[in-house]
Amino acid sequence: MIKGLSITPPVIGRISIGRIIERDGKRLPSKDDQFTLTSQVQTQDGWVLHPLDEQLRSQQETNKLRVIPVRLPFSCADLNLRAEYSMFDRKTGRPVCVGDGISCQRSTAEGIQQLNCPGSAYCEYGRSGNCKLYGRLTVQVGDSDDQDFGCFILRTTSFNTIRSLYARMLYYNAVSGGLLHCMPLQLKLRGKSTTMSYRSAIYYVDLELAEGMTLKEAITQANVTQTERVASGIDQCALDNVASMGFANGLFEFSEEEAPEIIEEFYPTTSESHSDGAKSEIHSQKVHKLRSRLDPNNSASH
């Protein structure tokens, strides 16, 4: 195995809740209120839809794809969902610094250095380079037992999405006795509004039991599936171990081809970005004033 090359699950398609649009000659990310399944082929008109997109969309009442039946390829949540604080070079698209909140690997003039990672909110180096929480969820869409190892990847910088996905996987794995990979699940798009979103709806991805199933029924089915897989000779523990070694083999998990897509989708450099930054600053000032009114002592300390 070539050292420094991260071996990641084979990707056959993408799951997104947005798209790239052109405005004033610039390519900008645009949020959506539904999923889109695409292939890995991109044309001038955007990403080519995967055949499963139309198939699943036709099964939705509103023709909006907001639920996707999935199975997880691994029994370990950390293998299904890879998440860390990430910062990219805007010009080359290469990762500059990747950390987990404790330690980070940073590309410097002296090479790759391992340093402390306080998280994006408390790192002066990360603030200047717009370090973000960045996650990649790999799932198999439909009946995974009829497939090889091909997965769809959902990339996200949403804190709500990463937290919800990770919590659900940990809970389902615990109650099923380690049978997370056999649980019949679905991705579901949920909406919420917060003070940070100025009370407008924002969407995040959640993971739940397959449509119409109770927890008991899902666990019963997972045990049946596990029994069938073991009888057919499928070794899930060996698969998880190989996947773990593959991830650990590389310094960074991003390929040269993948990085530009990440930059375009999550790190646009436009005037709108500055506008959003100004809104964020205004919001921070409002929160500070509110805290000062609620806690006079805290106001005095500032």
C-alpha atoms as a PDB file:
ATOM      1  CA  MET A   1       0.000   0.000   0.000  1.00  0.00           C
ATOM      2  CA  ILE A   2       1.409   3.411  -1.015  1.00  0.00           C
ATOM      3  CA  LYS A   3       2.127   5.425   2.129  1.00  0.00           C
ATOM      4  CA  GLY A   4       0.510   8.845   2.254  1.00  0.00           C
ATOM      5  CA  LEU A   5      -2.394   7.779   0.014  1.00  0.00           C
ATOM      6  CA  SER A   6      -5.663   7.607   1.917  1.00  0.00           C
ATOM      7  CA  ILE A   7      -7.756   4.609   0.811  1.00  0.00           C
ATOM      8  CA  THR A   8     -11.399   5.687   1.005  1.00  0.00           C
ATOM      9  CA  PRO A   9     -14.634   3.832   0.085  1.00  0.00           C
ATOM     10  CA  PRO A  10     -15.362   3.708  -3.683  1.00  0.00           C
ATOM     11  CA  VAL A  11     -17.732   6.555  -4.549  1.00  0.00           C
ATOM     12  CA  ILE A  12     -20.319   6.087  -7.322  1.00  0.00           C
ATOM     13  CA  GLY A  13     -22.359   9.226  -6.702  1.00  0.00           C
ATOM     14  CA  ARG A  14     -23.037  12.346  -4.643  1.00  0.00           C
ATOM     15  CA  ILE A  15     -25.876  13.403  -2.337  1.00  0.00           C
ATOM     16  CA  SER A  16     -26.353  17.152  -2.049  1.00  0.00           C
ATOM     17  CA  ILE A  17     -28.939  19.603  -0.732  1.00  0.00           C
ATOM     18  CA  GLY A  18     -27.822  22.423  -2.970  1.00  0.00           C
ATOM     19  CA  ARG A  19     -26.348  23.203  -6.343  1.00  0.00           C
ATOM     20  CA  ILE A  20     -23.923  25.552  -8.037  1.00  0.00           C
ATOM     21  CA  ILE A  21     -25.481  28.406 -10.015  1.00  0.00           C
ATOM     22  CA  GLU A  22     -23.951  31.112 -12.179  1.00  0.00           C
ATOM     23  CA  ARG A  23     -24.613  34.734 -11.252  1.00  0.00           C
ATOM     24  CA  ASP A  24     -22.807  37.729 -12.745  1.00  0.00           C
ATOM     25  CA  GLY A  25     -20.214  35.421 -14.225  1.00  0.00           C
ATOM     26  CA  LYS A  26     -19.482  33.755 -10.888  1.00  0.00           C
ATOM     27  CA  ARG A  27     -20.264  30.220  -9.777  1.00  0.00           C
ATOM     28  CA  LEU A  28     -22.026  30.362  -6.412  1.00  0.00           C
ATOM     29  CA  PRO A  29     -23.505  27.703  -4.101  1.00  0.00           C
ATOM     30  CA  SER A  30     -27.292  27.801  -3.811  1.00  0.00           C
ATOM     31  CA  LYS A  31     -29.163  26.051  -0.991  1.00  0.00           C
ATOM     32  CA  ASP A  32     -32.139  23.794  -1.687  1.00  0.00           C
ATOM     33  CA  ASP A  33     -34.980  22.191   0.274  1.00  0.00           C
ATOM     34  CA  GLN A  34     -34.503  18.704  -1.148  1.00  0.00           C
ATOM     35  CA  PHE A  35     -31.875  16.069  -1.873  1.00  0.00           C
ATOM     36  CA  THR A  36     -30.286  15.567  -5.263  1.00  0.00           C
ATOM     37  CA  LEU A  37     -28.465  12.390  -6.257  1.00  0.00           C
ATOM     38  CA  THR A  38     -25.865  12.910  -8.948  1.00  0.00           C
ATOM     39  CA  SER A  39     -23.239  10.864 -10.716  1.00  0.00           C
ATOM     40  CA  GLN A  40     -19.584  11.888 -10.609  1.00  0.00           C
ATOM     41  CA  VAL A  41     -19.804  13.481 -14.043  1.00  0.00           C
ATOM     42  CA  GLN A  42     -20.026  17.273 -14.278  1.00  0.00           C
ATOM     43  CA  THR A  43     -20.858  19.233 -17.433  1.00  0.00           C
ATOM     44  CA  GLN A  44     -21.254  22.940 -18.153  1.00  0.00           C
ATOM     45  CA  ASP A  45     -24.866  22.616 -16.964  1.00  0.00           C
ATOM     46  CA  GLY A  46     -23.842  21.082 -13.652  1.00  0.00           C
ATOM     47  CA  TRP A  47     -23.698  17.580 -12.219  1.00  0.00           C
ATOM     48  CA  VAL A  48     -25.367  14.807 -14.215  1.00  0.00           C
ATOM     49  CA  LEU A  49     -28.206  13.217 -12.246  1.00  0.00           C
ATOM     50  CA  HIS A  50     -27.824   9.632 -11.092  1.00  0.00           C
ATOM     51  CA  PRO A  51     -30.580   7.248 -12.316  1.00  0.00           C
ATOM     52  CA  LEU A  52     -31.596   6.641  -8.698  1.00  0.00           C
ATOM     53  CA  ASP A  53     -32.558  10.310  -8.371  1.00  0.00           C
ATOM     54  CA  GLU A  54     -35.539  10.009 -10.708  1.00  0.00           C
ATOM     55  CA  GLN A  55     -36.457   6.594  -9.323  1.00  0.00           C
ATOM     56  CA  LEU A  56     -36.590   7.795  -5.704  1.00  0.00           C
ATOM     57  CA  ARG A  57     -38.140  11.140  -6.587  1.00  0.00           C
ATOM     58  CA  SER A  58     -41.097   9.424  -8.256  1.00  0.00           C
ATOM     59  CA  GLN A  59     -41.846   7.673  -4.971  1.00  0.00           C
ATOM     60  CA  GLN A  60     -42.223  10.967  -3.056  1.00  0.00           C
ATOM     61  CA  GLU A  61     -45.664  12.520  -2.736  1.00  0.00           C
ATOM     62  CA  THR A  62     -44.522  16.038  -3.640  1.00  0.00           C
ATOM     63  CA  ASN A  63     -41.879  14.922  -6.182  1.00  0.00           C
ATOM     64  CA  LYS A  64     -39.318  16.533  -3.871  1.00  0.00           C
ATOM     65  CA  LEU A  65     -36.664  14.125  -2.716  1.00  0.00           C
ATOM     66  CA  ARG A  66     -36.564  14.547   1.047  1.00  0.00           C
ATOM     67  CA  VAL A  67     -36.135  10.919   2.128  1.00  0.00           C
ATOM     68  CA  ILE A  68     -33.500   8.440   0.891  1.00  0.00           C
ATOM     69  CA  PRO A  69     -33.457   4.770   2.026  1.00  0.00           C
ATOM     70  CA  VAL A  70     -29.887   3.835   2.992  1.00  0.00           C
ATOM     71  CA  ARG A  71     -27.666   1.254   4.622  1.00  0.00           C
ATOM     72  CA  LEU A  72     -24.355   2.106   6.258  1.00  0.00           C
ATOM     73  CA  PRO A  73     -21.292   0.243   4.956  1.00  0.00           C
ATOM     74  CA  PHE A  74     -19.511  -0.002   8.318  1.00  0.00           C
ATOM     75  CA  SER A  75     -20.485  -0.930  11.861  1.00  0.00           C
ATOM     76  CA  CYS A  76     -18.342   1.903  13.293  1.00  0.00           C
ATOM     77  CA  ALA A  77     -19.795   5.418  13.229  1.00  0.00           C
ATOM     78  CA  ASP A  78     -16.332   6.973  12.798  1.00  0.00           C
ATOM     79  CA  LEU A  79     -15.837   5.058   9.556  1.00  0.00           C
ATOM     80  CA  ASN A  80     -19.212   6.031   8.086  1.00  0.00           C
ATOM     81  CA  LEU A  81     -18.879   9.699   9.015  1.00  0.00           C
ATOM     82  CA  ARG A  82     -15.503  11.390   8.705  1.00  0.00           C
ATOM     83  CA  ALA A  83     -15.560  14.847  10.280  1.00  0.00           C
ATOM     84  CA  GLU A  84     -12.885  17.316  11.296  1.00  0.00           C
ATOM     85  CA  TYR A  85     -11.970  20.985  11.251  1.00  0.00           C
ATOM     86  CA  SER A  86     -10.549  21.685   7.794  1.00  0.00           C
ATOM     87  CA  MET A  87      -8.899  24.596   6.040  1.00  0.00           C
ATOM     88  CA  PHE A  88      -8.018  24.681   2.345  1.00  0.00           C
ATOM     89  CA  ASP A  89      -5.736  26.764   0.184  1.00  0.00           C
ATOM     90  CA  ARG A  90      -8.132  28.786  -1.976  1.00  0.00           C
ATOM     91  CA  LYS A  91      -5.732  28.854  -4.937  1.00  0.00           C
ATOM     92  CA  THR A  92      -4.590  25.244  -5.130  1.00  0.00           C
ATOM     93  CA  GLY A  93      -7.545  23.575  -3.403  1.00  0.00           C
ATOM     94  CA  ARG A  94      -5.180  21.528  -1.263  1.00  0.00           C
ATOM     95  CA  PRO A  95      -5.800  20.963   2.459  1.00  0.00           C
ATOM     96  CA  VAL A  96      -3.669  23.242   4.639  1.00  0.00           C
ATOM     97  CA  CYS A  97      -4.719  22.201   8.129  1.00  0.00           C
ATOM     98  CA  VAL A  98      -6.945  19.380   9.406  1.00  0.00           C
ATOM     99  CA  GLY A  99      -7.707  18.848  13.099  1.00  0.00           C
ATOM    100  CA  ASP A 100     -10.046  17.078  15.490  1.00  0.00           C
ATOM    101  CA  GLY A 101     -10.231  19.670  18.275  1.00  0.00           C
ATOM    102  CA  ILE A 102      -7.222  18.151  20.083  1.00  0.00           C
ATOM    103  CA  SER A 103      -4.442  17.923  17.518  1.00  0.00           C
ATOM    104  CA  CYS A 104      -4.057  18.903  13.875  1.00  0.00           C
ATOM    105  CA  GLN A 105      -1.873  18.174  10.882  1.00  0.00           C
ATOM    106  CA  ARG A 106      -0.756  21.427   9.254  1.00  0.00           C
ATOM    107  CA  SER A 107       1.128  21.888   6.012  1.00  0.00           C
ATOM    108  CA  THR A 108       4.033  24.293   6.562  1.00  0.00           C
ATOM    109  CA  ALA A 109       7.222  25.309   4.773  1.00  0.00           C
ATOM    110  CA  GLU A 110       9.036  22.722   6.901  1.00  0.00           C
ATOM    111  CA  GLY A 111       6.559  19.974   5.913  1.00  0.00           C
ATOM    112  CA  ILE A 112       3.597  18.440   7.737  1.00  0.00           C
ATOM    113  CA  GLN A 113       3.608  19.324  11.432  1.00  0.00           C
ATOM    114  CA  GLN A 114       1.414  17.982  14.208  1.00  0.00           C
ATOM    115  CA  LEU A 115       0.183  20.808  16.434  1.00  0.00           C
ATOM    116  CA  ASN A 116      -2.500  21.483  19.008  1.00  0.00           C
ATOM    117  CA  CYS A 117      -6.017  22.072  17.670  1.00  0.00           C
ATOM    118  CA  PRO A 118      -8.335  24.232  19.808  1.00  0.00           C
ATOM    119  CA  GLY A 119     -11.124  24.156  17.207  1.00  0.00           C
ATOM    120  CA  SER A 120     -12.018  26.694  14.527  1.00  0.00           C
ATOM    121  CA  ALA A 121     -13.667  29.138  16.949  1.00  0.00           C
ATOM    122  CA  TYR A 122     -10.546  29.482  19.106  1.00  0.00           C
ATOM    123  CA  CYS A 123      -7.734  29.135  16.577  1.00  0.00           C
ATOM    124  CA  GLU A 124      -6.162  32.368  15.331  1.00  0.00           C
ATOM    125  CA  TYR A 125      -4.601  30.542  12.385  1.00  0.00           C
ATOM    126  CA  GLY A 126      -7.932  28.978  11.447  1.00  0.00           C
ATOM    127  CA  ARG A 127      -9.886  32.211  11.738  1.00  0.00           C
ATOM    128  CA  SER A 128      -7.706  33.932   9.171  1.00  0.00           C
ATOM    129  CA  GLY A 129      -8.163  31.068   6.734  1.00  0.00           C
ATOM    130  CA  ASN A 130     -11.840  30.298   7.369  1.00  0.00           C
ATOM    131  CA  CYS A 131     -11.376  26.904   8.981  1.00  0.00           C
ATOM    132  CA  LYS A 132     -14.686  25.026   8.989  1.00  0.00           C
ATOM    133  CA  LEU A 133     -16.170  21.863  10.406  1.00  0.00           C
ATOM    134  CA  TYR A 134     -16.294  19.565   7.403  1.00  0.00           C
ATOM    135  CA  GLY A 135     -17.862  16.100   7.234  1.00  0.00           C
ATOM    136  CA  ARG A 136     -18.250  13.314   4.710  1.00  0.00           C
ATOM    137  CA  LEU A 137     -20.921  10.640   5.160  1.00  0.00           C
ATOM    138  CA  THR A 138     -20.712   7.496   3.033  1.00  0.00           C
ATOM    139  CA  VAL A 139     -23.881   5.441   2.547  1.00  0.00           C
ATOM    140  CA  GLN A 140     -25.249   2.787   0.237  1.00  0.00           C
ATOM    141  CA  VAL A 141     -28.560   3.746  -1.312  1.00  0.00           C
ATOM    142  CA  GLY A 142     -31.249   1.079  -1.504  1.00  0.00           C
ATOM    143  CA  ASP A 143     -30.555  -2.583  -0.740  1.00  0.00           C
ATOM    144  CA  SER A 144     -26.832  -2.771  -0.006  1.00  0.00           C
ATOM    145  CA  ASP A 145     -26.790  -6.590  -0.152  1.00  0.00           C
ATOM    146  CA  ASP A 146     -27.446  -6.376  -3.893  1.00  0.00           C
ATOM    147  CA  GLN A 147     -24.464  -4.048  -4.372  1.00  0.00           C
ATOM    148  CA  ASP A 148     -20.695  -4.247  -4.195  1.00  0.00           C
ATOM    149  CA  PHE A 149     -18.868  -1.574  -2.159  1.00  0.00           C
ATOM    150  CA  GLY A 150     -20.036   1.438  -4.180  1.00  0.00           C
ATOM    151  CA  CYS A 151     -21.178   4.309  -1.961  1.00  0.00           C
ATOM    152  CA  PHE A 152     -22.738   7.729  -2.258  1.00  0.00           C
ATOM    153  CA  ILE A 153     -21.019  10.570  -0.443  1.00  0.00           C
ATOM    154  CA  LEU A 154     -22.727  13.462   1.342  1.00  0.00           C
ATOM    155  CA  ARG A 155     -20.395  16.377   2.020  1.00  0.00           C
ATOM    156  CA  THR A 156     -21.441  18.974   4.572  1.00  0.00           C
ATOM    157  CA  THR A 157     -20.189  21.847   6.707  1.00  0.00           C
ATOM    158  CA  SER A 158     -23.417  21.897   8.744  1.00  0.00           C
ATOM    159  CA  PHE A 159     -22.907  21.501  12.487  1.00  0.00           C
ATOM    160  CA  ASN A 160     -26.546  20.374  12.859  1.00  0.00           C
ATOM    161  CA  THR A 161     -26.123  17.675  10.211  1.00  0.00           C
ATOM    162  CA  ILE A 162     -22.844  16.307  11.585  1.00  0.00           C
ATOM    163  CA  ARG A 163     -24.072  16.265  15.174  1.00  0.00           C
ATOM    164  CA  SER A 164     -27.409  14.602  14.284  1.00  0.00           C
ATOM    165  CA  LEU A 165     -25.850  11.953  12.049  1.00  0.00           C
ATOM    166  CA  TYR A 166     -23.172  11.055  14.551  1.00  0.00           C
ATOM    167  CA  ALA A 167     -25.566  10.874  17.500  1.00  0.00           C
ATOM    168  CA  ARG A 168     -28.005   8.652  15.626  1.00  0.00           C
ATOM    169  CA  MET A 169     -25.291   6.244  14.527  1.00  0.00           C
ATOM    170  CA  LEU A 170     -23.908   5.910  18.049  1.00  0.00           C
ATOM    171  CA  TYR A 171     -27.380   5.269  19.487  1.00  0.00           C
ATOM    172  CA  TYR A 172     -28.467   2.774  16.801  1.00  0.00           C
ATOM    173  CA  ASN A 173     -25.201   0.890  17.106  1.00  0.00           C
ATOM    174  CA  ALA A 174     -25.554   0.705  20.883  1.00  0.00           C
ATOM    175  CA  VAL A 175     -29.153  -0.524  21.028  1.00  0.00           C
ATOM    176  CA  SER A 176     -28.647  -3.045  18.204  1.00  0.00           C
ATOM    177  CA  GLY A 177     -25.595  -4.627  19.791  1.00  0.00           C
ATOM    178  CA  GLY A 178     -23.151  -3.424  17.159  1.00  0.00           C
ATOM    179  CA  LEU A 179     -25.351  -4.083  14.110  1.00  0.00           C
ATOM    180  CA  LEU A 180     -25.346  -0.531  12.745  1.00  0.00           C
ATOM    181  CA  HIS A 181     -24.382  -1.839   9.279  1.00  0.00           C
ATOM    182  CA  CYS A 182     -27.499  -4.034   9.205  1.00  0.00           C
ATOM    183  CA  MET A 183     -30.035  -1.458  10.383  1.00  0.00           C
ATOM    184  CA  PRO A 184     -32.673  -0.397   7.805  1.00  0.00           C
ATOM    185  CA  LEU A 185     -32.298   3.390   7.786  1.00  0.00           C
ATOM    186  CA  GLN A 186     -33.086   6.484   5.782  1.00  0.00           C
ATOM    187  CA  LEU A 187     -31.676   9.960   5.375  1.00  0.00           C
ATOM    188  CA  LYS A 188     -34.269  12.639   6.000  1.00  0.00           C
ATOM    189  CA  LEU A 189     -34.111  16.361   5.348  1.00  0.00           C
ATOM    190  CA  ARG A 190     -35.352  18.418   8.274  1.00  0.00           C
ATOM    191  CA  GLY A 191     -35.964  22.134   8.601  1.00  0.00           C
ATOM    192  CA  LYS A 192     -35.465  24.406  11.579  1.00  0.00           C
ATOM    193  CA  SER A 193     -35.061  28.090  12.318  1.00  0.00           C
ATOM    194  CA  THR A 194     -32.772  29.686  14.864  1.00  0.00           C
ATOM    195  CA  THR A 195     -31.643  33.106  15.977  1.00  0.00           C
ATOM    196  CA  MET A 196     -28.478  32.605  13.955  1.00  0.00           C
ATOM    197  CA  SER A 197     -30.552  31.998  10.806  1.00  0.00           C
ATOM    198  CA  TYR A 198     -32.607  35.155  11.492  1.00  0.00           C
ATOM    199  CA  ARG A 199     -35.680  32.921  11.948  1.00  0.00           C
ATOM    200  CA  SER A 200     -35.573  31.779   8.323  1.00  0.00           C
ATOM    201  CA  ALA A 201     -35.678  28.043   7.638  1.00  0.00           C
ATOM    202  CA  ILE A 202     -32.414  26.158   7.378  1.00  0.00           C
ATOM    203  CA  TYR A 203     -32.166  22.510   6.417  1.00  0.00           C
ATOM    204  CA  TYR A 204     -30.024  19.741   7.828  1.00  0.00           C
ATOM    205  CA  VAL A 205     -29.753  15.994   7.270  1.00  0.00           C
ATOM    206  CA  ASP A 206     -30.924  13.498   9.861  1.00  0.00           C
ATOM    207  CA  LEU A 207     -30.711   9.707  10.020  1.00  0.00           C
ATOM    208  CA  GLU A 208     -33.698   7.688  11.159  1.00  0.00           C
ATOM    209  CA  LEU A 209     -35.289   4.249  10.927  1.00  0.00           C
ATOM    210  CA  ALA A 210     -36.738   3.146   7.599  1.00  0.00           C
ATOM    211  CA  GLU A 211     -40.235   4.433   6.848  1.00  0.00           C
ATOM    212  CA  GLY A 212     -42.928   2.787   8.962  1.00  0.00           C
ATOM    213  CA  MET A 213     -40.578   0.742  11.160  1.00  0.00           C
ATOM    214  CA  THR A 214     -40.410   0.734  14.942  1.00  0.00           C
ATOM    215  CA  LEU A 215     -37.114   0.387  16.785  1.00  0.00           C
ATOM    216  CA  LYS A 216     -37.940  -3.200  17.780  1.00  0.00           C
ATOM    217  CA  GLU A 217     -38.814  -4.144  14.198  1.00  0.00           C
ATOM    218  CA  ALA A 218     -35.648  -2.533  12.861  1.00  0.00           C
ATOM    219  CA  ILE A 219     -33.432  -4.383  15.361  1.00  0.00           C
ATOM    220  CA  THR A 220     -35.202  -7.681  14.609  1.00  0.00           C
ATOM    221  CA  GLN A 221     -34.586  -7.178  10.900  1.00  0.00           C
ATOM    222  CA  ALA A 222     -30.958  -6.219  11.581  1.00  0.00           C
ATOM    223  CA  ASN A 223     -30.414  -9.515  13.422  1.00  0.00           C
ATOM    224  CA  VAL A 224     -31.956 -11.458  10.538  1.00  0.00           C
ATOM    225  CA  THR A 225     -29.748  -9.609   8.058  1.00  0.00           C
ATOM    226  CA  GLN A 226     -26.650 -10.252  10.176  1.00  0.00           C
ATOM    227  CA  THR A 227     -27.429 -13.977  10.384  1.00  0.00           C
ATOM    228  CA  GLU A 228     -27.804 -14.161   6.597  1.00  0.00           C
ATOM    229  CA  ARG A 229     -24.571 -12.226   6.012  1.00  0.00           C
ATOM    230  CA  VAL A 230     -22.575 -14.444   8.371  1.00  0.00           C
ATOM    231  CA  ALA A 231     -24.022 -17.568   6.739  1.00  0.00           C
ATOM    232  CA  SER A 232     -22.936 -16.290   3.327  1.00  0.00           C
ATOM    233  CA  GLY A 233     -19.393 -15.688   4.603  1.00  0.00           C
ATOM    234  CA  ILE A 234     -19.383 -11.884   4.850  1.00  0.00           C
ATOM    235  CA  ASP A 235     -16.824 -10.758   7.460  1.00  0.00           C
ATOM    236  CA  GLN A 236     -17.871  -7.298   8.659  1.00  0.00           C
ATOM    237  CA  CYS A 237     -15.104  -7.028  11.258  1.00  0.00           C
ATOM    238  CA  ALA A 238     -12.448  -7.601   8.599  1.00  0.00           C
ATOM    239  CA  LEU A 239     -14.088  -4.970   6.379  1.00  0.00           C
ATOM    240  CA  ASP A 240     -14.103  -2.392   9.191  1.00  0.00           C
ATOM    241  CA  ASN A 241     -10.456  -3.120  10.014  1.00  0.00           C
ATOM    242  CA  VAL A 242      -9.355  -2.717   6.389  1.00  0.00           C
ATOM    243  CA  ALA A 243     -11.348   0.517   6.057  1.00  0.00           C
ATOM    244  CA  SER A 244      -9.766   1.893   9.231  1.00  0.00           C
ATOM    245  CA  MET A 245      -6.265   1.114   7.966  1.00  0.00           C
ATOM    246  CA  GLY A 246      -7.089   2.694   4.613  1.00  0.00           C
ATOM    247  CA  PHE A 247      -8.179   5.968   6.186  1.00  0.00           C
ATOM    248  CA  ALA A 248      -5.107   6.021   8.438  1.00  0.00           C
ATOM    249  CA  ASN A 249      -2.729   5.432   5.540  1.00  0.00           C
ATOM    250  CA  GLY A 250      -2.937   9.027   4.287  1.00  0.00           C
ATOM    251  CA  LEU A 251      -2.038  12.366   5.816  1.00  0.00           C
ATOM    252  CA  PHE A 252      -5.213  13.922   4.377  1.00  0.00           C
ATOM    253  CA  GLU A 253      -8.312  12.233   3.025  1.00  0.00           C
ATOM    254  CA  PHE A 254      -8.883  14.687   0.170  1.00  0.00           C
ATOM    255  CA  SER A 255      -7.734  13.926  -3.340  1.00  0.00           C
ATOM    256  CA  GLU A 256      -6.427  16.530  -5.790  1.00  0.00           C
ATOM    257  CA  GLU A 257      -9.630  16.096  -7.820  1.00  0.00           C
ATOM    258  CA  GLU A 258     -11.987  16.407  -4.852  1.00  0.00           C
ATOM    259  CA  ALA A 259     -10.540  19.575  -3.297  1.00  0.00           C
ATOM    260  CA  PRO A 260     -11.625  22.056  -6.037  1.00  0.00           C
ATOM    261  CA  GLU A 261     -15.216  20.797  -5.722  1.00  0.00           C
ATOM    262  CA  ILE A 262     -15.090  21.421  -1.970  1.00  0.00           C
ATOM    263  CA  ILE A 263     -13.753  24.941  -2.463  1.00  0.00           C
ATOM    264  CA  GLU A 264     -16.453  25.778  -5.018  1.00  0.00           C
ATOM    265  CA  GLU A 265     -19.310  24.379  -2.961  1.00  0.00           C
ATOM    266  CA  PHE A 266     -18.431  25.454   0.579  1.00  0.00           C
ATOM    267  CA  TYR A 267     -15.848  28.222   0.335  1.00  0.00           C
ATOM    268  CA  PRO A 268     -17.018  30.742  -2.297  1.00  0.00           C
ATOM    269  CA  THR A 269     -15.002  33.966  -2.485  1.00  0.00           C
ATOM    270  CA  THR A 270     -17.608  36.495  -3.553  1.00  0.00           C
ATOM    271  CA  SER A 271     -19.028  39.770  -2.423  1.00  0.00           C
ATOM    272  CA  GLU A 272     -21.880  37.758  -0.904  1.00  0.00           C
ATOM    273  CA  SER A 273     -19.370  36.124   1.419  1.00  0.00           C
ATOM    274  CA  HIS A 274     -18.404  39.551   2.750  1.00  0.00           C
ATOM    275  CA  SER A 275     -22.079  40.409   3.110  1.00  0.00           C
ATOM    276  CA  ASP A 276     -22.663  37.246   5.141  1.00  0.00           C
ATOM    277  CA  GLY A 277     -19.652  38.132   7.272  1.00  0.00           C
ATOM    278  CA  ALA A 278     -21.095  41.561   7.947  1.00  0.00           C
ATOM    279  CA  LYS A 279     -24.422  39.998   8.922  1.00  0.00           C
ATOM    280  CA  SER A 280     -22.594  37.633  11.266  1.00  0.00           C
ATOM    281  CA  GLU A 281     -20.780  40.558  12.883  1.00  0.00           C
ATOM    282  CA  ILE A 282     -24.051  42.470  13.331  1.00  0.00           C
ATOM    283  CA  HIS A 283     -25.646  39.387  14.833  1.00  0.00           C
ATOM    284  CA  SER A 284     -22.722  38.949  17.263  1.00  0.00           C
ATOM    285  CA  GLN A 285     -23.147  42.554  18.400  1.00  0.00           C
ATOM    286  CA  LYS A 286     -26.873  41.986  18.993  1.00  0.00           C
ATOM    287  CA  VAL A 287     -26.160  38.826  21.022  1.00  0.00           C
ATOM    288  CA  HIS A 288     -23.573  40.717  23.107  1.00  0.00           C
ATOM    289  CA  LYS A 289     -26.048  43.524  23.836  1.00  0.00           C
ATOM    290  CA  LEU A 290     -28.732  41.005  24.804  1.00  0.00           C
ATOM    291  CA  ARG A 291     -26.358  39.210  27.172  1.00  0.00           C
ATOM    292  CA  SER A 292     -25.400  42.562  28.708  1.00  0.00           C
ATOM    293  CA  ARG A 293     -29.053  43.337  29.454  1.00  0.00           C
ATOM    294  CA  LEU A 294     -29.670  39.908  30.972  1.00  0.00           C
ATOM    295  CA  ASP A 295     -26.450  39.868  32.994  1.00  0.00           C
ATOM    296  CA  PRO A 296     -25.317  43.354  34.146  1.00  0.00           C
ATOM    297  CA  ASN A 297     -22.276  41.850  35.891  1.00  0.00           C
ATOM    298  CA  ASN A 298     -21.103  40.258  32.652  1.00  0.00           C
ATOM    299  CA  SER A 299     -21.511  43.622  30.902  1.00  0.00           C
ATOM    300  CA  ALA A 300     -19.410  45.349  33.520  1.00  0.00           C
ATOM    301  CA  SER A 301     -16.600  42.818  33.052  1.00  0.00           C
ATOM    302  CA  HIS A 302     -16.306  43.891  29.415  1.00  0.00           C
END
